Amino acid sequence: VDGQLFHPARRSTALRASWHLNDDDLAVLHVGRLAAEKNLQLLVRSFRTLQAARPEHHLKLILVGDGPQRAYIQAEIPDAIFCGIQRGEALAEHYASGDLFLFPSLSETFGNVVLEAQASGLAVIAYDQAAAAQHIRHGHNGALAMPGDEQAFIDAADWLLEDRESLRRIRLNARQHAGKQTWSIIIERFEALLIEAAKHPDQQNADRKKPRCAGA
C-alpha cells in the first residue's frame, strides 16, 4: 500500500461537512463496485442495525464507487451519500475522512481496500479471509467475523462502536500496521529473502530433493 498517499493526515473537514457530519459524528465507509458480488445486502443490514443500536451516534453511510446496485442501496438507505468513482488524492481524502470501514465481501482474491483503509486510519470490519485474514488482528487493529456468519459481522461492527477510546486505539493500530506494508518495506523483505537464499544454495537444493510422504 502507498502509505504516503493513503494517510490519516488527508482527513478533510470540508469533505465531512459536505456529508453533513460534525467532528463527533461517524462516517461508515464502503469503497468498491456496487455490485451483487460485494454482498451489499449485508452492508445495508449492518448499517441499519448499527443505526438502531447506537442512536447516540450520528452515523452516515458513505459509498465510494458505482455499479448496478446503487439504486437498491439508495432505496434502502435514502440518506446514504454516493460519491461515485474516486481516484488518486481524491480517493485518499475520502478514505481518511471516514471512521469505520465495512467490507462484507466474500468474493475477493485479496482486497486492496482493506490495506488502503487501514493506512488511512480506519477501523475495518471484514470476514476472516483474504487480505483481512492477513492484516487484521481481531480486537487490535480491526474486527473479524467467520466467513458467511452475518450476525457475527454485525456484532463485530457494533462492538467497535461500544467505546470511543477503543475505536481510537484500533484506528491508530490499523495505521501503524499498514505503515509496515509499504512497497519499499515489502521490496526490502523480498531482497533479504533472495540474498539469504543465494547464500545457501546447497540447502535449497537439499530441501527440494527431500522425499515427500504419500499424499503430501
C-alpha atoms as a PDB file:
ATOM      1  CA  VAL A   1       0.000   0.000   0.000  1.00  0.00           C
ATOM      2  CA  ASP A   2       1.159   3.553  -0.677  1.00  0.00           C
ATOM      3  CA  GLY A   3       1.388   4.871   2.873  1.00  0.00           C
ATOM      4  CA  GLN A   4       2.139   8.393   1.703  1.00  0.00           C
ATOM      5  CA  LEU A   5      -0.978   8.610  -0.456  1.00  0.00           C
ATOM      6  CA  PHE A   6      -3.316   6.809   1.948  1.00  0.00           C
ATOM      7  CA  HIS A   7      -2.735   8.639   5.207  1.00  0.00           C
ATOM      8  CA  PRO A   8      -4.882   9.952   8.110  1.00  0.00           C
ATOM      9  CA  ALA A   9      -3.474  13.434   7.507  1.00  0.00           C
ATOM     10  CA  ARG A  10      -5.676  13.679   4.405  1.00  0.00           C
ATOM     11  CA  ARG A  11      -8.801  13.855   6.567  1.00  0.00           C
ATOM     12  CA  SER A  12     -10.913  16.754   5.305  1.00  0.00           C
ATOM     13  CA  THR A  13     -13.254  18.774   7.496  1.00  0.00           C
ATOM     14  CA  ALA A  14     -14.720  20.350   4.357  1.00  0.00           C
ATOM     15  CA  LEU A  15     -15.488  16.960   2.803  1.00  0.00           C
ATOM     16  CA  ARG A  16     -17.101  15.722   6.025  1.00  0.00           C
ATOM     17  CA  ALA A  17     -19.163  18.916   6.169  1.00  0.00           C
ATOM     18  CA  SER A  18     -20.427  18.182   2.658  1.00  0.00           C
ATOM     19  CA  TRP A  19     -21.600  14.830   4.062  1.00  0.00           C
ATOM     20  CA  HIS A  20     -23.423  16.788   6.838  1.00  0.00           C
ATOM     21  CA  LEU A  21     -21.146  15.398   9.555  1.00  0.00           C
ATOM     22  CA  ASN A  22     -19.704  17.172  12.576  1.00  0.00           C
ATOM     23  CA  ASP A  23     -16.425  16.236  14.276  1.00  0.00           C
ATOM     24  CA  ASP A  24     -18.126  13.799  16.671  1.00  0.00           C
ATOM     25  CA  ASP A  25     -20.270  12.119  14.011  1.00  0.00           C
ATOM     26  CA  LEU A  26     -19.167   8.849  12.410  1.00  0.00           C
ATOM     27  CA  ALA A  27     -18.792   8.172   8.699  1.00  0.00           C
ATOM     28  CA  VAL A  28     -19.324   4.489   7.861  1.00  0.00           C
ATOM     29  CA  LEU A  29     -17.425   3.960   4.628  1.00  0.00           C
ATOM     30  CA  HIS A  30     -17.537   1.412   1.833  1.00  0.00           C
ATOM     31  CA  VAL A  31     -15.234   1.582  -1.183  1.00  0.00           C
ATOM     32  CA  GLY A  32     -15.751  -0.654  -4.184  1.00  0.00           C
ATOM     33  CA  ARG A  33     -18.009  -1.567  -7.075  1.00  0.00           C
ATOM     34  CA  LEU A  34     -21.681  -1.502  -6.132  1.00  0.00           C
ATOM     35  CA  ALA A  35     -22.444  -4.974  -7.436  1.00  0.00           C
ATOM     36  CA  ALA A  36     -24.065  -8.147  -6.115  1.00  0.00           C
ATOM     37  CA  GLU A  37     -20.767  -9.987  -5.618  1.00  0.00           C
ATOM     38  CA  LYS A  38     -19.796  -7.411  -2.972  1.00  0.00           C
ATOM     39  CA  ASN A  39     -22.511  -8.735  -0.619  1.00  0.00           C
ATOM     40  CA  LEU A  40     -24.121  -5.329  -0.305  1.00  0.00           C
ATOM     41  CA  GLN A  41     -27.299  -6.678   1.284  1.00  0.00           C
ATOM     42  CA  LEU A  42     -25.192  -7.308   4.384  1.00  0.00           C
ATOM     43  CA  LEU A  43     -23.760  -3.797   4.124  1.00  0.00           C
ATOM     44  CA  VAL A  44     -27.288  -2.387   4.216  1.00  0.00           C
ATOM     45  CA  ARG A  45     -28.398  -4.688   7.046  1.00  0.00           C
ATOM     46  CA  SER A  46     -25.279  -3.890   9.094  1.00  0.00           C
ATOM     47  CA  PHE A  47     -25.685  -0.152   8.745  1.00  0.00           C
ATOM     48  CA  ARG A  48     -29.371  -0.244   9.655  1.00  0.00           C
ATOM     49  CA  THR A  49     -28.620  -2.356  12.735  1.00  0.00           C
ATOM     50  CA  LEU A  50     -25.856  -0.004  13.852  1.00  0.00           C
ATOM     51  CA  GLN A  51     -28.137   2.999  13.457  1.00  0.00           C
ATOM     52  CA  ALA A  52     -30.834   1.361  15.575  1.00  0.00           C
ATOM     53  CA  ALA A  53     -28.427   0.030  18.217  1.00  0.00           C
ATOM     54  CA  ARG A  54     -26.377   3.217  18.547  1.00  0.00           C
ATOM     55  CA  PRO A  55     -28.814   6.157  18.446  1.00  0.00           C
ATOM     56  CA  GLU A  56     -26.306   8.224  20.415  1.00  0.00           C
ATOM     57  CA  HIS A  57     -24.072   8.288  17.351  1.00  0.00           C
ATOM     58  CA  HIS A  58     -24.882  10.209  14.200  1.00  0.00           C
ATOM     59  CA  LEU A  59     -23.945   7.568  11.611  1.00  0.00           C
ATOM     60  CA  LYS A  60     -23.817   8.290   7.904  1.00  0.00           C
ATOM     61  CA  LEU A  61     -23.217   5.686   5.182  1.00  0.00           C
ATOM     62  CA  ILE A  62     -20.671   6.893   2.622  1.00  0.00           C
ATOM     63  CA  LEU A  63     -20.211   4.896  -0.588  1.00  0.00           C
ATOM     64  CA  VAL A  64     -17.281   5.409  -2.947  1.00  0.00           C
ATOM     65  CA  GLY A  65     -17.746   3.646  -6.264  1.00  0.00           C
ATOM     66  CA  ASP A  66     -20.611   2.919  -8.615  1.00  0.00           C
ATOM     67  CA  GLY A  67     -22.428  -0.036 -10.094  1.00  0.00           C
ATOM     68  CA  PRO A  68     -25.768  -1.730 -10.760  1.00  0.00           C
ATOM     69  CA  GLN A  69     -26.796  -1.977  -7.084  1.00  0.00           C
ATOM     70  CA  ARG A  70     -26.687   1.749  -6.444  1.00  0.00           C
ATOM     71  CA  ALA A  71     -30.470   2.064  -6.938  1.00  0.00           C
ATOM     72  CA  TYR A  72     -31.089  -0.774  -4.459  1.00  0.00           C
ATOM     73  CA  ILE A  73     -28.958   0.852  -1.749  1.00  0.00           C
ATOM     74  CA  GLN A  74     -30.482   4.260  -2.423  1.00  0.00           C
ATOM     75  CA  ALA A  75     -33.967   2.828  -1.961  1.00  0.00           C
ATOM     76  CA  GLU A  76     -32.987   1.058   1.273  1.00  0.00           C
ATOM     77  CA  ILE A  77     -30.954   3.931   2.785  1.00  0.00           C
ATOM     78  CA  PRO A  78     -32.176   7.185   1.203  1.00  0.00           C
ATOM     79  CA  ASP A  79     -29.778   9.404   3.172  1.00  0.00           C
ATOM     80  CA  ALA A  80     -26.655   7.473   2.112  1.00  0.00           C
ATOM     81  CA  ILE A  81     -24.021   9.580   0.368  1.00  0.00           C
ATOM     82  CA  PHE A  82     -22.945   8.337  -3.068  1.00  0.00           C
ATOM     83  CA  CYS A  83     -19.555   9.770  -4.015  1.00  0.00           C
ATOM     84  CA  GLY A  84     -19.080   7.936  -7.307  1.00  0.00           C
ATOM     85  CA  ILE A  85     -15.723   6.684  -8.523  1.00  0.00           C
ATOM     86  CA  GLN A  86     -12.745   8.449  -6.928  1.00  0.00           C
ATOM     87  CA  ARG A  87      -9.059   8.094  -7.726  1.00  0.00           C
ATOM     88  CA  GLY A  88      -5.675   9.290  -6.501  1.00  0.00           C
ATOM     89  CA  GLU A  89      -5.621  12.034  -3.884  1.00  0.00           C
ATOM     90  CA  ALA A  90      -9.399  12.438  -4.000  1.00  0.00           C
ATOM     91  CA  LEU A  91      -9.816   8.757  -3.128  1.00  0.00           C
ATOM     92  CA  ALA A  92      -7.274   9.059  -0.321  1.00  0.00           C
ATOM     93  CA  GLU A  93      -9.158  12.058   1.065  1.00  0.00           C
ATOM     94  CA  HIS A  94     -12.412  10.108   1.071  1.00  0.00           C
ATOM     95  CA  TYR A  95     -10.811   7.222   2.943  1.00  0.00           C
ATOM     96  CA  ALA A  96      -9.209   9.439   5.574  1.00  0.00           C
ATOM     97  CA  SER A  97     -12.447  11.340   6.145  1.00  0.00           C
ATOM     98  CA  GLY A  98     -14.222   8.149   7.223  1.00  0.00           C
ATOM     99  CA  ASP A  99     -14.212   6.425  10.611  1.00  0.00           C
ATOM    100  CA  LEU A 100     -15.467   2.869  10.173  1.00  0.00           C
ATOM    101  CA  PHE A 101     -14.950   0.690   7.091  1.00  0.00           C
ATOM    102  CA  LEU A 102     -17.458  -2.085   6.362  1.00  0.00           C
ATOM    103  CA  PHE A 103     -16.154  -4.757   3.986  1.00  0.00           C
ATOM    104  CA  PRO A 104     -18.710  -7.594   3.764  1.00  0.00           C
ATOM    105  CA  SER A 105     -17.430  -9.122   0.512  1.00  0.00           C
ATOM    106  CA  LEU A 106     -16.871 -12.885   0.311  1.00  0.00           C
ATOM    107  CA  SER A 107     -15.558 -12.863  -3.264  1.00  0.00           C
ATOM    108  CA  GLU A 108     -12.201 -11.077  -3.026  1.00  0.00           C
ATOM    109  CA  THR A 109      -8.940 -12.726  -4.066  1.00  0.00           C
ATOM    110  CA  PHE A 110      -7.109 -10.183  -1.902  1.00  0.00           C
ATOM    111  CA  GLY A 111      -8.958  -6.895  -1.368  1.00  0.00           C
ATOM    112  CA  ASN A 112      -6.596  -3.919  -1.612  1.00  0.00           C
ATOM    113  CA  VAL A 113      -9.209  -1.690   0.005  1.00  0.00           C
ATOM    114  CA  VAL A 114      -8.539  -3.333   3.374  1.00  0.00           C
ATOM    115  CA  LEU A 115      -4.947  -2.085   3.486  1.00  0.00           C
ATOM    116  CA  GLU A 116      -5.875   1.277   1.961  1.00  0.00           C
ATOM    117  CA  ALA A 117      -8.479   1.780   4.681  1.00  0.00           C
ATOM    118  CA  GLN A 118      -6.049   0.750   7.417  1.00  0.00           C
ATOM    119  CA  ALA A 119      -3.371   3.060   6.046  1.00  0.00           C
ATOM    120  CA  SER A 120      -5.934   5.862   6.173  1.00  0.00           C
ATOM    121  CA  GLY A 121      -6.573   5.179   9.858  1.00  0.00           C
ATOM    122  CA  LEU A 122      -9.936   3.435   9.628  1.00  0.00           C
ATOM    123  CA  ALA A 123     -11.266   0.603  11.763  1.00  0.00           C
ATOM    124  CA  VAL A 124     -12.088  -2.217   9.324  1.00  0.00           C
ATOM    125  CA  ILE A 125     -14.759  -4.874   9.822  1.00  0.00           C
ATOM    126  CA  ALA A 126     -14.390  -7.812   7.424  1.00  0.00           C
ATOM    127  CA  TYR A 127     -14.637 -11.564   7.088  1.00  0.00           C
ATOM    128  CA  ASP A 128     -11.646 -13.605   8.219  1.00  0.00           C
ATOM    129  CA  GLN A 129     -10.284 -14.388   4.763  1.00  0.00           C
ATOM    130  CA  ALA A 130      -8.031 -12.979   2.008  1.00  0.00           C
ATOM    131  CA  ALA A 131      -6.409  -9.614   2.867  1.00  0.00           C
ATOM    132  CA  ALA A 132      -8.386  -9.211   6.072  1.00  0.00           C
ATOM    133  CA  ALA A 133      -7.105 -12.523   7.437  1.00  0.00           C
ATOM    134  CA  GLN A 134      -3.524 -11.451   6.715  1.00  0.00           C
ATOM    135  CA  HIS A 135      -3.687  -7.913   8.031  1.00  0.00           C
ATOM    136  CA  ILE A 136      -6.344  -7.695  10.754  1.00  0.00           C
ATOM    137  CA  ARG A 137      -5.870  -8.923  14.307  1.00  0.00           C
ATOM    138  CA  HIS A 138      -9.323  -9.031  15.825  1.00  0.00           C
ATOM    139  CA  GLY A 139      -9.674  -6.501  18.610  1.00  0.00           C
ATOM    140  CA  HIS A 140      -6.246  -4.989  17.960  1.00  0.00           C
ATOM    141  CA  ASN A 141      -6.379  -3.220  14.595  1.00  0.00           C
ATOM    142  CA  GLY A 142      -9.845  -4.140  13.341  1.00  0.00           C
ATOM    143  CA  ALA A 143     -12.607  -6.701  13.731  1.00  0.00           C
ATOM    144  CA  LEU A 144     -13.210 -10.049  12.015  1.00  0.00           C
ATOM    145  CA  ALA A 145     -16.067 -12.495  11.610  1.00  0.00           C
ATOM    146  CA  MET A 146     -16.038 -16.060  10.339  1.00  0.00           C
ATOM    147  CA  PRO A 147     -16.827 -16.124   6.604  1.00  0.00           C
ATOM    148  CA  GLY A 148     -20.549 -16.216   5.995  1.00  0.00           C
ATOM    149  CA  ASP A 149     -21.579 -15.513   9.610  1.00  0.00           C
ATOM    150  CA  GLU A 150     -23.615 -12.363   9.022  1.00  0.00           C
ATOM    151  CA  GLN A 151     -24.664 -11.867  12.644  1.00  0.00           C
ATOM    152  CA  ALA A 152     -21.037 -12.129  13.785  1.00  0.00           C
ATOM    153  CA  PHE A 153     -20.107  -9.485  11.194  1.00  0.00           C
ATOM    154  CA  ILE A 154     -22.775  -7.128  12.521  1.00  0.00           C
ATOM    155  CA  ASP A 155     -21.813  -7.846  16.128  1.00  0.00           C
ATOM    156  CA  ALA A 156     -18.156  -7.085  15.331  1.00  0.00           C
ATOM    157  CA  ALA A 157     -19.119  -3.716  13.882  1.00  0.00           C
ATOM    158  CA  ASP A 158     -21.343  -2.931  16.869  1.00  0.00           C
ATOM    159  CA  TRP A 159     -18.537  -3.889  19.268  1.00  0.00           C
ATOM    160  CA  LEU A 160     -16.281  -1.268  17.678  1.00  0.00           C
ATOM    161  CA  LEU A 161     -18.850   1.406  18.494  1.00  0.00           C
ATOM    162  CA  GLU A 162     -19.174   0.496  22.177  1.00  0.00           C
ATOM    163  CA  ASP A 163     -16.328   2.706  23.292  1.00  0.00           C
ATOM    164  CA  ARG A 164     -14.813   5.749  21.584  1.00  0.00           C
ATOM    165  CA  GLU A 165     -11.413   5.229  23.184  1.00  0.00           C
ATOM    166  CA  SER A 166     -11.200   1.634  21.972  1.00  0.00           C
ATOM    167  CA  LEU A 167     -12.193   2.756  18.485  1.00  0.00           C
ATOM    168  CA  ARG A 168      -9.468   5.409  18.543  1.00  0.00           C
ATOM    169  CA  ARG A 169      -6.883   2.838  19.665  1.00  0.00           C
ATOM    170  CA  ILE A 170      -7.870   0.372  16.960  1.00  0.00           C
ATOM    171  CA  ARG A 171      -7.635   3.081  14.298  1.00  0.00           C
ATOM    172  CA  LEU A 172      -4.146   4.023  15.475  1.00  0.00           C
ATOM    173  CA  ASN A 173      -3.077   0.367  15.435  1.00  0.00           C
ATOM    174  CA  ALA A 174      -4.502  -0.050  11.931  1.00  0.00           C
ATOM    175  CA  ARG A 175      -2.405   2.819  10.638  1.00  0.00           C
ATOM    176  CA  GLN A 176       0.695   1.524  12.420  1.00  0.00           C
ATOM    177  CA  HIS A 177       0.277  -1.927  10.857  1.00  0.00           C
ATOM    178  CA  ALA A 178      -0.341  -0.577   7.369  1.00  0.00           C
ATOM    179  CA  GLY A 179       2.742   1.618   7.712  1.00  0.00           C
ATOM    180  CA  LYS A 180       4.808  -1.593   7.696  1.00  0.00           C
ATOM    181  CA  GLN A 181       3.239  -2.760   4.420  1.00  0.00           C
ATOM    182  CA  THR A 182       4.619  -0.082   2.105  1.00  0.00           C
ATOM    183  CA  TRP A 183       6.190  -1.004  -1.221  1.00  0.00           C
ATOM    184  CA  SER A 184       9.691  -0.064  -0.065  1.00  0.00           C
ATOM    185  CA  ILE A 185       9.481  -2.286   3.029  1.00  0.00           C
ATOM    186  CA  ILE A 186       7.999  -5.215   1.083  1.00  0.00           C
ATOM    187  CA  ILE A 187      10.762  -4.955  -1.528  1.00  0.00           C
ATOM    188  CA  GLU A 188      13.408  -4.872   1.196  1.00  0.00           C
ATOM    189  CA  ARG A 189      11.979  -8.056   2.720  1.00  0.00           C
ATOM    190  CA  PHE A 190      11.927  -9.778  -0.661  1.00  0.00           C
ATOM    191  CA  GLU A 191      15.515  -8.744  -1.364  1.00  0.00           C
ATOM    192  CA  ALA A 192      16.584 -10.105   2.029  1.00  0.00           C
ATOM    193  CA  LEU A 193      14.968 -13.455   1.231  1.00  0.00           C
ATOM    194  CA  LEU A 194      16.725 -13.626  -2.129  1.00  0.00           C
ATOM    195  CA  ILE A 195      20.096 -12.759  -0.574  1.00  0.00           C
ATOM    196  CA  GLU A 196      19.615 -15.379   2.137  1.00  0.00           C
ATOM    197  CA  ALA A 197      18.678 -17.997  -0.474  1.00  0.00           C
ATOM    198  CA  ALA A 198      21.738 -17.099  -2.568  1.00  0.00           C
ATOM    199  CA  LYS A 199      23.994 -17.591   0.460  1.00  0.00           C
ATOM    200  CA  HIS A 200      22.816 -21.171   0.961  1.00  0.00           C
ATOM    201  CA  PRO A 201      22.138 -22.689  -2.473  1.00  0.00           C
ATOM    202  CA  ASP A 202      23.132 -26.192  -1.329  1.00  0.00           C
ATOM    203  CA  GLN A 203      20.497 -26.132   1.408  1.00  0.00           C
ATOM    204  CA  GLN A 204      17.884 -25.008  -1.093  1.00  0.00           C
ATOM    205  CA  ASN A 205      18.723 -27.920  -3.406  1.00  0.00           C
ATOM    206  CA  ALA A 206      18.701 -30.383  -0.499  1.00  0.00           C
ATOM    207  CA  ASP A 207      15.237 -29.220   0.532  1.00  0.00           C
ATOM    208  CA  ARG A 208      13.948 -29.843  -2.984  1.00  0.00           C
ATOM    209  CA  LYS A 209      15.365 -33.389  -3.009  1.00  0.00           C
ATOM    210  CA  LYS A 210      13.822 -34.468   0.295  1.00  0.00           C
ATOM    211  CA  PRO A 211      11.372 -37.372  -0.206  1.00  0.00           C
ATOM    212  CA  ARG A 212       7.741 -36.473   0.240  1.00  0.00           C
ATOM    213  CA  CYS A 213       5.304 -38.505   2.314  1.00  0.00           C
ATOM    214  CA  ALA A 214       2.489 -40.246   0.488  1.00  0.00           C
ATOM    215  CA  GLY A 215      -0.404 -37.880  -0.056  1.00  0.00           C
ATOM    216  CA  ALA A 216       1.717 -34.759   0.557  1.00  0.00           C
END
